[in-house]
Amino acid sequence: MALIVPVNFPAPITITAHVSARRRQFSVSASLSSSRRFDTVAVDWVKETANFFEADSRPIMLFDGVCNLCNGGVKFVRGNDRSRNIRFEALQSEAGKKLLQRSGRAPDDISSVVLVEKDRAYIKSEAVLKIMEYIDLPFPQLAFFLQFVPLFVRDFAYDNIADNRYNFFGRSDSCDI
C-alpha cells in the first residue's frame, strides 16, 4: 500500500496503524488535514436551470438515451400524450446533467427515469406514476390505483427492471429521440 502525495502538498499527513492479535488483522488509515481551506463554489442548481421553465412550464422527463427500454418508454409516452404535456431530455445531455443536479442527483447518474417539474423532481416509480398522470386515459386512473402499492414495493420492482434493462432490452449506440 502506498500513499502518494505531491511534494508541495500543504496539508500534514497523519498515518495510524492498528494491529489486532486476536483476529490477525492489520489496518492502516491515513488522513489529510489542512489549515488552508480550498475554495469551493456552491451552485444553486434551481437558479442555474430556471431558464428551462421560464418560457415553457411543462415538466421534463429525463431518460437514459442509449437504453432501448427507455427509448421505447419515451415513444410510448409521446404516443399517449396528445396534449404534449411532457418534454423530454436524455440524461447524458448537458441539459440532462444540469437537471439531474437540480434534482439532487449526481450528474452521471443514469440509474433512474426522472421527472422534473418547476418546483419538484420525482425519481423511480414515483416518476413513472407522475408521468402516467400527465398522459391520456386510462393511465391517470391506473396511476391512482398504483399509488396505493407501497413505495418500497414499487421501487423494488423498478430497481430490478432498471438494473437489468440492458440485459433484457439491449442498448443503442445513440439516442433515438
N, C-alpha and C. Protein backbone atom coordinates (compact mmCIF):
# COMPACT_ATOMS: atom_id res chain seq x y z
N MET A 1 0.85 -1.17 0.00
CA MET A 1 0.00 0.00 0.00
C MET A 1 0.89 1.23 0.00
N ALA A 2 0.51 2.22 -0.81
CA ALA A 2 1.30 3.45 -0.88
C ALA A 2 0.37 4.65 -0.85
N LEU A 3 0.81 5.68 -0.20
CA LEU A 3 0.09 6.93 -0.16
C LEU A 3 0.93 7.93 -0.93
N ILE A 4 0.43 8.36 -2.08
CA ILE A 4 1.18 9.27 -2.93
C ILE A 4 0.63 10.67 -2.76
N VAL A 5 1.50 11.59 -2.36
CA VAL A 5 1.12 12.97 -2.13
C VAL A 5 2.15 13.84 -2.82
N PRO A 6 1.72 14.89 -3.52
CA PRO A 6 2.69 15.79 -4.15
C PRO A 6 3.65 16.39 -3.12
N VAL A 7 4.86 16.68 -3.55
CA VAL A 7 5.90 17.19 -2.66
C VAL A 7 5.49 18.49 -2.01
N ASN A 8 4.84 19.36 -2.76
CA ASN A 8 4.48 20.66 -2.21
C ASN A 8 3.07 20.69 -1.63
N PHE A 9 2.53 19.54 -1.26
CA PHE A 9 1.18 19.46 -0.71
C PHE A 9 1.16 20.18 0.64
N PRO A 10 0.25 21.16 0.83
CA PRO A 10 0.29 21.99 2.02
C PRO A 10 -0.26 21.35 3.29
N ALA A 11 -0.88 20.20 3.20
CA ALA A 11 -1.53 19.62 4.38
C ALA A 11 -0.64 18.59 5.06
N PRO A 12 -0.66 18.55 6.38
CA PRO A 12 0.08 17.48 7.08
C PRO A 12 -0.65 16.15 6.91
N ILE A 13 0.11 15.08 6.94
CA ILE A 13 -0.45 13.74 6.77
C ILE A 13 -0.34 13.00 8.09
N THR A 14 -1.44 12.38 8.51
CA THR A 14 -1.45 11.59 9.73
C THR A 14 -1.70 10.14 9.34
N ILE A 15 -0.82 9.25 9.74
CA ILE A 15 -0.98 7.83 9.44
C ILE A 15 -1.03 7.09 10.77
N THR A 16 -2.05 6.27 10.93
CA THR A 16 -2.17 5.47 12.14
C THR A 16 -2.29 4.00 11.74
N ALA A 17 -1.78 3.13 12.58
CA ALA A 17 -1.86 1.70 12.31
C ALA A 17 -2.40 1.01 13.55
N HIS A 18 -3.16 -0.05 13.33
CA HIS A 18 -3.74 -0.81 14.43
C HIS A 18 -3.58 -2.29 14.11
N VAL A 19 -3.04 -3.04 15.06
CA VAL A 19 -2.86 -4.47 14.89
C VAL A 19 -3.71 -5.19 15.93
N SER A 20 -4.50 -6.13 15.48
CA SER A 20 -5.31 -6.93 16.39
C SER A 20 -4.76 -8.34 16.40
N ALA A 21 -4.16 -8.76 17.52
CA ALA A 21 -3.57 -10.09 17.61
C ALA A 21 -4.63 -11.17 17.61
N ARG A 22 -5.77 -10.88 18.18
CA ARG A 22 -6.82 -11.89 18.30
C ARG A 22 -7.36 -12.29 16.93
N ARG A 23 -7.60 -11.32 16.07
CA ARG A 23 -8.20 -11.63 14.75
C ARG A 23 -7.17 -11.60 13.63
N ARG A 24 -5.94 -11.36 13.95
CA ARG A 24 -4.86 -11.31 12.96
C ARG A 24 -5.18 -10.31 11.85
N GLN A 25 -5.61 -9.16 12.25
CA GLN A 25 -5.92 -8.11 11.29
C GLN A 25 -4.97 -6.95 11.47
N PHE A 26 -4.67 -6.33 10.39
CA PHE A 26 -3.82 -5.15 10.41
C PHE A 26 -4.53 -4.09 9.58
N SER A 27 -4.76 -2.95 10.15
CA SER A 27 -5.42 -1.89 9.40
C SER A 27 -4.61 -0.61 9.48
N VAL A 28 -4.59 0.10 8.37
CA VAL A 28 -3.88 1.37 8.29
C VAL A 28 -4.85 2.40 7.78
N SER A 29 -4.83 3.55 8.40
CA SER A 29 -5.66 4.63 7.90
C SER A 29 -4.81 5.87 7.76
N ALA A 30 -5.12 6.66 6.77
CA ALA A 30 -4.39 7.91 6.56
C ALA A 30 -5.41 9.02 6.42
N SER A 31 -5.08 10.16 6.96
CA SER A 31 -5.98 11.30 6.82
C SER A 31 -5.16 12.52 6.47
N LEU A 32 -5.75 13.36 5.68
CA LEU A 32 -5.12 14.61 5.28
C LEU A 32 -5.87 15.73 5.96
N SER A 33 -5.16 16.61 6.56
CA SER A 33 -5.81 17.77 7.16
C SER A 33 -5.06 19.00 6.72
N SER A 34 -5.78 20.06 6.60
CA SER A 34 -5.15 21.28 6.12
C SER A 34 -5.68 22.48 6.88
N SER A 35 -4.79 23.38 7.20
CA SER A 35 -5.24 24.61 7.82
C SER A 35 -5.74 25.57 6.75
N ARG A 36 -5.33 25.34 5.52
CA ARG A 36 -5.74 26.19 4.42
C ARG A 36 -7.00 25.62 3.81
N ARG A 37 -8.03 26.42 3.68
CA ARG A 37 -9.29 25.98 3.08
C ARG A 37 -9.20 26.13 1.57
N PHE A 38 -9.66 25.11 0.89
CA PHE A 38 -9.72 25.19 -0.56
C PHE A 38 -11.04 25.84 -0.93
N ASP A 39 -11.00 26.77 -1.84
CA ASP A 39 -12.20 27.49 -2.23
C ASP A 39 -13.11 26.58 -3.05
N THR A 40 -14.34 26.46 -2.62
CA THR A 40 -15.34 25.72 -3.37
C THR A 40 -16.50 26.64 -3.64
N VAL A 41 -17.07 26.48 -4.78
CA VAL A 41 -18.18 27.32 -5.19
C VAL A 41 -19.44 26.47 -5.16
N ALA A 42 -20.39 26.86 -4.36
CA ALA A 42 -21.67 26.15 -4.31
C ALA A 42 -22.55 26.70 -5.43
N VAL A 43 -23.16 25.79 -6.15
CA VAL A 43 -24.01 26.18 -7.26
C VAL A 43 -25.46 25.94 -6.87
N ASP A 44 -26.29 26.94 -7.05
CA ASP A 44 -27.72 26.79 -6.84
C ASP A 44 -28.32 26.29 -8.15
N TRP A 45 -28.54 24.97 -8.23
CA TRP A 45 -28.98 24.36 -9.49
C TRP A 45 -30.39 24.75 -9.85
N VAL A 46 -31.21 25.14 -8.89
CA VAL A 46 -32.57 25.61 -9.21
C VAL A 46 -32.47 26.91 -9.99
N LYS A 47 -31.63 27.83 -9.51
CA LYS A 47 -31.43 29.09 -10.25
C LYS A 47 -30.73 28.84 -11.57
N GLU A 48 -29.75 27.95 -11.55
CA GLU A 48 -28.96 27.65 -12.75
C GLU A 48 -29.81 27.06 -13.87
N THR A 49 -30.86 26.35 -13.50
CA THR A 49 -31.72 25.71 -14.51
C THR A 49 -33.10 26.36 -14.62
N ALA A 50 -33.28 27.51 -14.01
CA ALA A 50 -34.59 28.18 -14.04
C ALA A 50 -35.02 28.52 -15.47
N ASN A 51 -34.06 28.75 -16.35
CA ASN A 51 -34.40 29.09 -17.74
C ASN A 51 -35.13 27.96 -18.46
N PHE A 52 -35.01 26.72 -17.97
CA PHE A 52 -35.72 25.61 -18.59
C PHE A 52 -37.24 25.75 -18.40
N PHE A 53 -37.65 26.51 -17.39
CA PHE A 53 -39.08 26.62 -17.07
C PHE A 53 -39.62 28.03 -17.24
N GLU A 54 -38.82 28.97 -17.75
CA GLU A 54 -39.30 30.34 -17.92
C GLU A 54 -40.33 30.44 -19.05
N ALA A 55 -40.00 29.97 -20.22
CA ALA A 55 -40.90 30.09 -21.37
C ALA A 55 -41.85 28.91 -21.48
N ASP A 56 -41.49 27.78 -20.89
CA ASP A 56 -42.28 26.57 -21.03
C ASP A 56 -42.33 25.87 -19.67
N SER A 57 -43.48 25.85 -19.03
CA SER A 57 -43.58 25.30 -17.68
C SER A 57 -43.88 23.80 -17.65
N ARG A 58 -43.95 23.16 -18.81
CA ARG A 58 -44.20 21.72 -18.84
C ARG A 58 -43.06 20.96 -18.17
N PRO A 59 -43.37 19.85 -17.50
CA PRO A 59 -42.30 19.06 -16.86
C PRO A 59 -41.40 18.42 -17.92
N ILE A 60 -40.20 18.05 -17.47
CA ILE A 60 -39.21 17.42 -18.36
C ILE A 60 -38.93 16.02 -17.86
N MET A 61 -39.10 15.05 -18.75
CA MET A 61 -38.80 13.66 -18.44
C MET A 61 -37.35 13.39 -18.86
N LEU A 62 -36.52 13.01 -17.89
CA LEU A 62 -35.12 12.66 -18.16
C LEU A 62 -35.04 11.14 -18.27
N PHE A 63 -34.38 10.67 -19.32
CA PHE A 63 -34.31 9.23 -19.58
C PHE A 63 -32.93 8.86 -20.08
N ASP A 64 -32.58 7.60 -19.96
CA ASP A 64 -31.31 7.07 -20.45
C ASP A 64 -31.39 6.99 -21.97
N GLY A 65 -30.62 7.82 -22.66
CA GLY A 65 -30.72 7.94 -24.10
C GLY A 65 -30.23 6.75 -24.89
N VAL A 66 -29.43 5.87 -24.29
CA VAL A 66 -28.93 4.71 -25.03
C VAL A 66 -29.64 3.42 -24.65
N CYS A 67 -30.59 3.49 -23.73
CA CYS A 67 -31.33 2.31 -23.28
C CYS A 67 -32.54 2.08 -24.19
N ASN A 68 -32.64 0.89 -24.75
CA ASN A 68 -33.76 0.60 -25.64
C ASN A 68 -35.10 0.61 -24.90
N LEU A 69 -35.11 0.14 -23.65
CA LEU A 69 -36.34 0.18 -22.85
C LEU A 69 -36.76 1.63 -22.62
N CYS A 70 -35.81 2.48 -22.27
CA CYS A 70 -36.11 3.89 -22.00
C CYS A 70 -36.59 4.60 -23.26
N ASN A 71 -35.92 4.35 -24.38
CA ASN A 71 -36.35 4.95 -25.64
C ASN A 71 -37.75 4.48 -26.02
N GLY A 72 -38.05 3.21 -25.78
CA GLY A 72 -39.39 2.70 -26.02
C GLY A 72 -40.40 3.36 -25.09
N GLY A 73 -40.01 3.60 -23.85
CA GLY A 73 -40.89 4.29 -22.91
C GLY A 73 -41.19 5.70 -23.35
N VAL A 74 -40.18 6.41 -23.86
CA VAL A 74 -40.38 7.77 -24.35
C VAL A 74 -41.33 7.76 -25.55
N LYS A 75 -41.13 6.81 -26.46
CA LYS A 75 -42.02 6.72 -27.62
C LYS A 75 -43.45 6.41 -27.18
N PHE A 76 -43.60 5.56 -26.16
CA PHE A 76 -44.92 5.24 -25.63
C PHE A 76 -45.58 6.48 -25.04
N VAL A 77 -44.83 7.22 -24.23
CA VAL A 77 -45.38 8.44 -23.60
C VAL A 77 -45.74 9.46 -24.67
N ARG A 78 -44.88 9.65 -25.66
CA ARG A 78 -45.18 10.60 -26.74
C ARG A 78 -46.42 10.19 -27.51
N GLY A 79 -46.59 8.89 -27.71
CA GLY A 79 -47.77 8.40 -28.43
C GLY A 79 -49.06 8.53 -27.64
N ASN A 80 -48.96 8.59 -26.32
CA ASN A 80 -50.14 8.68 -25.47
C ASN A 80 -50.26 10.04 -24.79
N ASP A 81 -49.56 11.02 -25.31
CA ASP A 81 -49.61 12.38 -24.77
C ASP A 81 -50.00 13.33 -25.90
N ARG A 82 -51.26 13.24 -26.30
CA ARG A 82 -51.73 14.05 -27.43
C ARG A 82 -51.66 15.54 -27.13
N SER A 83 -51.75 15.92 -25.87
CA SER A 83 -51.70 17.35 -25.50
C SER A 83 -50.27 17.86 -25.37
N ARG A 84 -49.29 16.98 -25.53
CA ARG A 84 -47.88 17.34 -25.40
C ARG A 84 -47.60 18.03 -24.06
N ASN A 85 -47.98 17.35 -23.00
CA ASN A 85 -47.80 17.87 -21.64
C ASN A 85 -46.38 17.70 -21.11
N ILE A 86 -45.60 16.81 -21.74
CA ILE A 86 -44.27 16.47 -21.22
C ILE A 86 -43.21 16.75 -22.28
N ARG A 87 -42.09 17.32 -21.81
CA ARG A 87 -40.90 17.46 -22.66
C ARG A 87 -39.92 16.35 -22.31
N PHE A 88 -38.95 16.12 -23.17
CA PHE A 88 -38.02 15.01 -23.00
C PHE A 88 -36.58 15.49 -23.14
N GLU A 89 -35.70 14.88 -22.34
CA GLU A 89 -34.28 15.19 -22.41
C GLU A 89 -33.50 13.96 -21.98
N ALA A 90 -32.45 13.61 -22.72
CA ALA A 90 -31.61 12.48 -22.35
C ALA A 90 -30.78 12.82 -21.12
N LEU A 91 -30.59 11.86 -20.24
CA LEU A 91 -29.79 12.06 -19.04
C LEU A 91 -28.34 12.39 -19.39
N GLN A 92 -27.87 11.90 -20.53
CA GLN A 92 -26.47 12.10 -20.91
C GLN A 92 -26.20 13.48 -21.50
N SER A 93 -27.23 14.24 -21.84
CA SER A 93 -27.05 15.56 -22.43
C SER A 93 -26.60 16.56 -21.36
N GLU A 94 -26.06 17.70 -21.78
CA GLU A 94 -25.65 18.72 -20.83
C GLU A 94 -26.84 19.24 -20.03
N ALA A 95 -27.96 19.46 -20.72
CA ALA A 95 -29.17 19.91 -20.02
C ALA A 95 -29.65 18.84 -19.04
N GLY A 96 -29.59 17.58 -19.45
CA GLY A 96 -30.00 16.49 -18.57
C GLY A 96 -29.14 16.41 -17.32
N LYS A 97 -27.83 16.62 -17.47
CA LYS A 97 -26.92 16.60 -16.31
C LYS A 97 -27.23 17.73 -15.35
N LYS A 98 -27.53 18.91 -15.89
CA LYS A 98 -27.86 20.05 -15.03
C LYS A 98 -29.17 19.80 -14.29
N LEU A 99 -30.15 19.23 -15.00
CA LEU A 99 -31.44 18.95 -14.36
C LEU A 99 -31.31 17.84 -13.32
N LEU A 100 -30.41 16.89 -13.55
CA LEU A 100 -30.15 15.86 -12.54
C LEU A 100 -29.61 16.50 -11.26
N GLN A 101 -28.68 17.43 -11.41
CA GLN A 101 -28.12 18.10 -10.24
C GLN A 101 -29.18 18.95 -9.55
N ARG A 102 -30.07 19.53 -10.32
CA ARG A 102 -31.19 20.28 -9.75
C ARG A 102 -32.05 19.36 -8.88
N SER A 103 -32.14 18.09 -9.29
CA SER A 103 -32.95 17.10 -8.59
C SER A 103 -32.22 16.46 -7.43
N GLY A 104 -30.99 16.90 -7.17
CA GLY A 104 -30.23 16.36 -6.04
C GLY A 104 -29.52 15.06 -6.36
N ARG A 105 -29.32 14.77 -7.63
CA ARG A 105 -28.66 13.54 -8.03
C ARG A 105 -27.33 13.87 -8.68
N ALA A 106 -26.44 12.90 -8.77
CA ALA A 106 -25.15 13.10 -9.42
C ALA A 106 -25.35 13.30 -10.92
N PRO A 107 -24.53 14.13 -11.56
CA PRO A 107 -24.73 14.41 -12.99
C PRO A 107 -24.51 13.21 -13.89
N ASP A 108 -23.83 12.18 -13.41
CA ASP A 108 -23.61 10.99 -14.23
C ASP A 108 -24.50 9.81 -13.82
N ASP A 109 -25.50 10.06 -13.00
CA ASP A 109 -26.41 9.01 -12.52
C ASP A 109 -27.48 8.75 -13.57
N ILE A 110 -27.36 7.61 -14.25
CA ILE A 110 -28.37 7.26 -15.26
C ILE A 110 -29.18 6.05 -14.81
N SER A 111 -29.31 5.87 -13.51
CA SER A 111 -29.96 4.69 -12.98
C SER A 111 -31.48 4.79 -12.93
N SER A 112 -32.04 5.98 -13.16
CA SER A 112 -33.48 6.14 -12.98
C SER A 112 -34.04 7.18 -13.94
N VAL A 113 -35.28 6.95 -14.34
CA VAL A 113 -36.01 7.99 -15.03
C VAL A 113 -36.31 9.07 -14.00
N VAL A 114 -36.28 10.32 -14.43
CA VAL A 114 -36.53 11.45 -13.52
C VAL A 114 -37.54 12.37 -14.20
N LEU A 115 -38.54 12.80 -13.47
CA LEU A 115 -39.47 13.80 -13.98
C LEU A 115 -39.23 15.07 -13.19
N VAL A 116 -38.83 16.13 -13.89
CA VAL A 116 -38.51 17.40 -13.25
C VAL A 116 -39.61 18.40 -13.55
N GLU A 117 -40.26 18.85 -12.50
CA GLU A 117 -41.23 19.93 -12.61
C GLU A 117 -40.56 21.21 -12.13
N LYS A 118 -41.23 22.32 -12.28
CA LYS A 118 -40.64 23.60 -11.90
C LYS A 118 -40.23 23.62 -10.43
N ASP A 119 -41.03 23.03 -9.56
CA ASP A 119 -40.78 23.09 -8.12
C ASP A 119 -40.40 21.77 -7.47
N ARG A 120 -40.37 20.68 -8.25
CA ARG A 120 -40.14 19.39 -7.64
C ARG A 120 -39.62 18.40 -8.68
N ALA A 121 -38.96 17.35 -8.20
CA ALA A 121 -38.50 16.28 -9.08
C ALA A 121 -38.94 14.94 -8.51
N TYR A 122 -39.21 14.00 -9.39
CA TYR A 122 -39.64 12.66 -9.00
C TYR A 122 -38.66 11.65 -9.61
N ILE A 123 -38.37 10.57 -8.88
CA ILE A 123 -37.48 9.53 -9.39
C ILE A 123 -38.15 8.17 -9.27
N LYS A 124 -37.60 7.23 -9.99
CA LYS A 124 -38.00 5.82 -9.96
C LYS A 124 -39.51 5.67 -10.16
N SER A 125 -40.15 4.88 -9.31
CA SER A 125 -41.57 4.58 -9.53
C SER A 125 -42.45 5.80 -9.34
N GLU A 126 -42.03 6.74 -8.50
CA GLU A 126 -42.81 7.97 -8.35
C GLU A 126 -42.82 8.76 -9.65
N ALA A 127 -41.69 8.77 -10.36
CA ALA A 127 -41.62 9.46 -11.65
C ALA A 127 -42.54 8.79 -12.66
N VAL A 128 -42.55 7.46 -12.67
CA VAL A 128 -43.41 6.73 -13.61
C VAL A 128 -44.88 7.05 -13.33
N LEU A 129 -45.28 7.03 -12.07
CA LEU A 129 -46.68 7.34 -11.73
C LEU A 129 -47.04 8.78 -12.09
N LYS A 130 -46.13 9.70 -11.85
CA LYS A 130 -46.39 11.10 -12.17
C LYS A 130 -46.50 11.29 -13.68
N ILE A 131 -45.67 10.61 -14.44
CA ILE A 131 -45.75 10.67 -15.90
C ILE A 131 -47.10 10.12 -16.36
N MET A 132 -47.54 9.04 -15.74
CA MET A 132 -48.85 8.45 -16.09
C MET A 132 -49.98 9.44 -15.84
N GLU A 133 -49.84 10.31 -14.85
CA GLU A 133 -50.87 11.31 -14.57
C GLU A 133 -50.96 12.36 -15.68
N TYR A 134 -49.86 12.59 -16.39
CA TYR A 134 -49.83 13.61 -17.44
C TYR A 134 -50.34 13.10 -18.79
N ILE A 135 -50.31 11.80 -19.02
CA ILE A 135 -50.70 11.30 -20.34
C ILE A 135 -52.18 10.94 -20.38
N ASP A 136 -52.63 10.49 -21.55
CA ASP A 136 -54.05 10.29 -21.83
C ASP A 136 -54.63 9.09 -21.07
N LEU A 137 -55.95 9.04 -21.06
CA LEU A 137 -56.69 7.95 -20.42
C LEU A 137 -56.26 6.62 -21.00
N PRO A 138 -56.24 5.58 -20.23
CA PRO A 138 -56.66 5.34 -18.85
C PRO A 138 -55.51 5.45 -17.85
N PHE A 139 -54.39 6.00 -18.27
CA PHE A 139 -53.19 5.96 -17.43
C PHE A 139 -53.29 6.78 -16.15
N PRO A 140 -53.94 7.95 -16.14
CA PRO A 140 -54.08 8.65 -14.85
C PRO A 140 -54.86 7.83 -13.82
N GLN A 141 -55.87 7.11 -14.28
CA GLN A 141 -56.64 6.27 -13.37
C GLN A 141 -55.80 5.09 -12.87
N LEU A 142 -55.00 4.52 -13.76
CA LEU A 142 -54.12 3.42 -13.36
C LEU A 142 -53.10 3.91 -12.33
N ALA A 143 -52.56 5.11 -12.55
CA ALA A 143 -51.61 5.69 -11.60
C ALA A 143 -52.27 5.89 -10.24
N PHE A 144 -53.54 6.30 -10.24
CA PHE A 144 -54.25 6.50 -8.98
C PHE A 144 -54.27 5.20 -8.17
N PHE A 145 -54.56 4.07 -8.81
CA PHE A 145 -54.62 2.81 -8.09
C PHE A 145 -53.22 2.30 -7.71
N LEU A 146 -52.23 2.52 -8.56
CA LEU A 146 -50.87 2.05 -8.26
C LEU A 146 -50.23 2.82 -7.11
N GLN A 147 -50.71 4.02 -6.82
CA GLN A 147 -50.12 4.78 -5.71
C GLN A 147 -50.39 4.12 -4.37
N PHE A 148 -51.36 3.21 -4.30
CA PHE A 148 -51.66 2.52 -3.06
C PHE A 148 -50.72 1.34 -2.80
N VAL A 149 -49.94 0.96 -3.82
CA VAL A 149 -48.89 -0.04 -3.61
C VAL A 149 -47.77 0.68 -2.86
N PRO A 150 -47.27 0.12 -1.79
CA PRO A 150 -46.23 0.80 -1.00
C PRO A 150 -45.01 1.17 -1.86
N LEU A 151 -44.44 2.32 -1.56
CA LEU A 151 -43.31 2.83 -2.33
C LEU A 151 -42.15 1.84 -2.38
N PHE A 152 -41.84 1.18 -1.27
CA PHE A 152 -40.71 0.25 -1.27
C PHE A 152 -40.96 -0.93 -2.20
N VAL A 153 -42.21 -1.34 -2.36
CA VAL A 153 -42.53 -2.43 -3.29
C VAL A 153 -42.39 -1.95 -4.73
N ARG A 154 -42.95 -0.77 -5.01
CA ARG A 154 -42.85 -0.21 -6.36
C ARG A 154 -41.39 0.03 -6.75
N ASP A 155 -40.60 0.61 -5.84
CA ASP A 155 -39.20 0.88 -6.14
C ASP A 155 -38.38 -0.39 -6.25
N PHE A 156 -38.73 -1.43 -5.48
CA PHE A 156 -38.04 -2.71 -5.61
C PHE A 156 -38.24 -3.28 -7.01
N ALA A 157 -39.48 -3.26 -7.49
CA ALA A 157 -39.76 -3.74 -8.85
C ALA A 157 -39.05 -2.86 -9.87
N TYR A 158 -39.10 -1.54 -9.67
CA TYR A 158 -38.45 -0.62 -10.59
C TYR A 158 -36.94 -0.89 -10.64
N ASP A 159 -36.31 -1.02 -9.48
CA ASP A 159 -34.86 -1.23 -9.42
C ASP A 159 -34.45 -2.53 -10.10
N ASN A 160 -35.25 -3.58 -9.94
CA ASN A 160 -34.92 -4.86 -10.58
C ASN A 160 -34.98 -4.75 -12.10
N ILE A 161 -35.96 -4.04 -12.61
CA ILE A 161 -36.05 -3.84 -14.05
C ILE A 161 -34.92 -2.92 -14.52
N ALA A 162 -34.70 -1.82 -13.80
CA ALA A 162 -33.67 -0.84 -14.19
C ALA A 162 -32.27 -1.47 -14.17
N ASP A 163 -31.99 -2.30 -13.19
CA ASP A 163 -30.67 -2.92 -13.08
C ASP A 163 -30.40 -3.91 -14.21
N ASN A 164 -31.44 -4.45 -14.81
CA ASN A 164 -31.28 -5.46 -15.86
C ASN A 164 -31.76 -4.98 -17.23
N ARG A 165 -32.00 -3.69 -17.38
CA ARG A 165 -32.59 -3.19 -18.62
C ARG A 165 -31.71 -3.41 -19.84
N TYR A 166 -30.41 -3.31 -19.70
CA TYR A 166 -29.52 -3.54 -20.85
C TYR A 166 -29.50 -5.03 -21.21
N ASN A 167 -29.55 -5.91 -20.20
CA ASN A 167 -29.54 -7.35 -20.46
C ASN A 167 -30.81 -7.79 -21.19
N PHE A 168 -31.96 -7.26 -20.77
CA PHE A 168 -33.23 -7.68 -21.34
C PHE A 168 -33.55 -6.98 -22.66
N PHE A 169 -33.26 -5.70 -22.74
CA PHE A 169 -33.71 -4.89 -23.87
C PHE A 169 -32.57 -4.36 -24.75
N GLY A 170 -31.34 -4.46 -24.29
CA GLY A 170 -30.20 -4.01 -25.07
C GLY A 170 -29.99 -2.51 -24.98
N ARG A 171 -28.99 -2.06 -25.71
CA ARG A 171 -28.69 -0.63 -25.73
C ARG A 171 -28.34 -0.24 -27.16
N SER A 172 -28.56 1.02 -27.45
CA SER A 172 -28.25 1.54 -28.77
C SER A 172 -26.99 2.40 -28.71
N ASP A 173 -26.44 2.69 -29.87
CA ASP A 173 -25.21 3.48 -29.91
C ASP A 173 -25.47 4.96 -29.66
N SER A 174 -26.68 5.39 -29.95
CA SER A 174 -27.01 6.81 -29.74
C SER A 174 -28.48 6.93 -29.38
N CYS A 175 -28.86 8.10 -28.94
CA CYS A 175 -30.24 8.37 -28.54
C CYS A 175 -31.13 8.42 -29.77
N ASP A 176 -32.23 7.69 -29.76
CA ASP A 176 -33.15 7.65 -30.90
C ASP A 176 -34.08 8.85 -30.93
N ILE A 177 -34.24 9.53 -29.82
CA ILE A 177 -35.23 10.61 -29.72
C ILE A 177 -34.60 11.92 -30.12
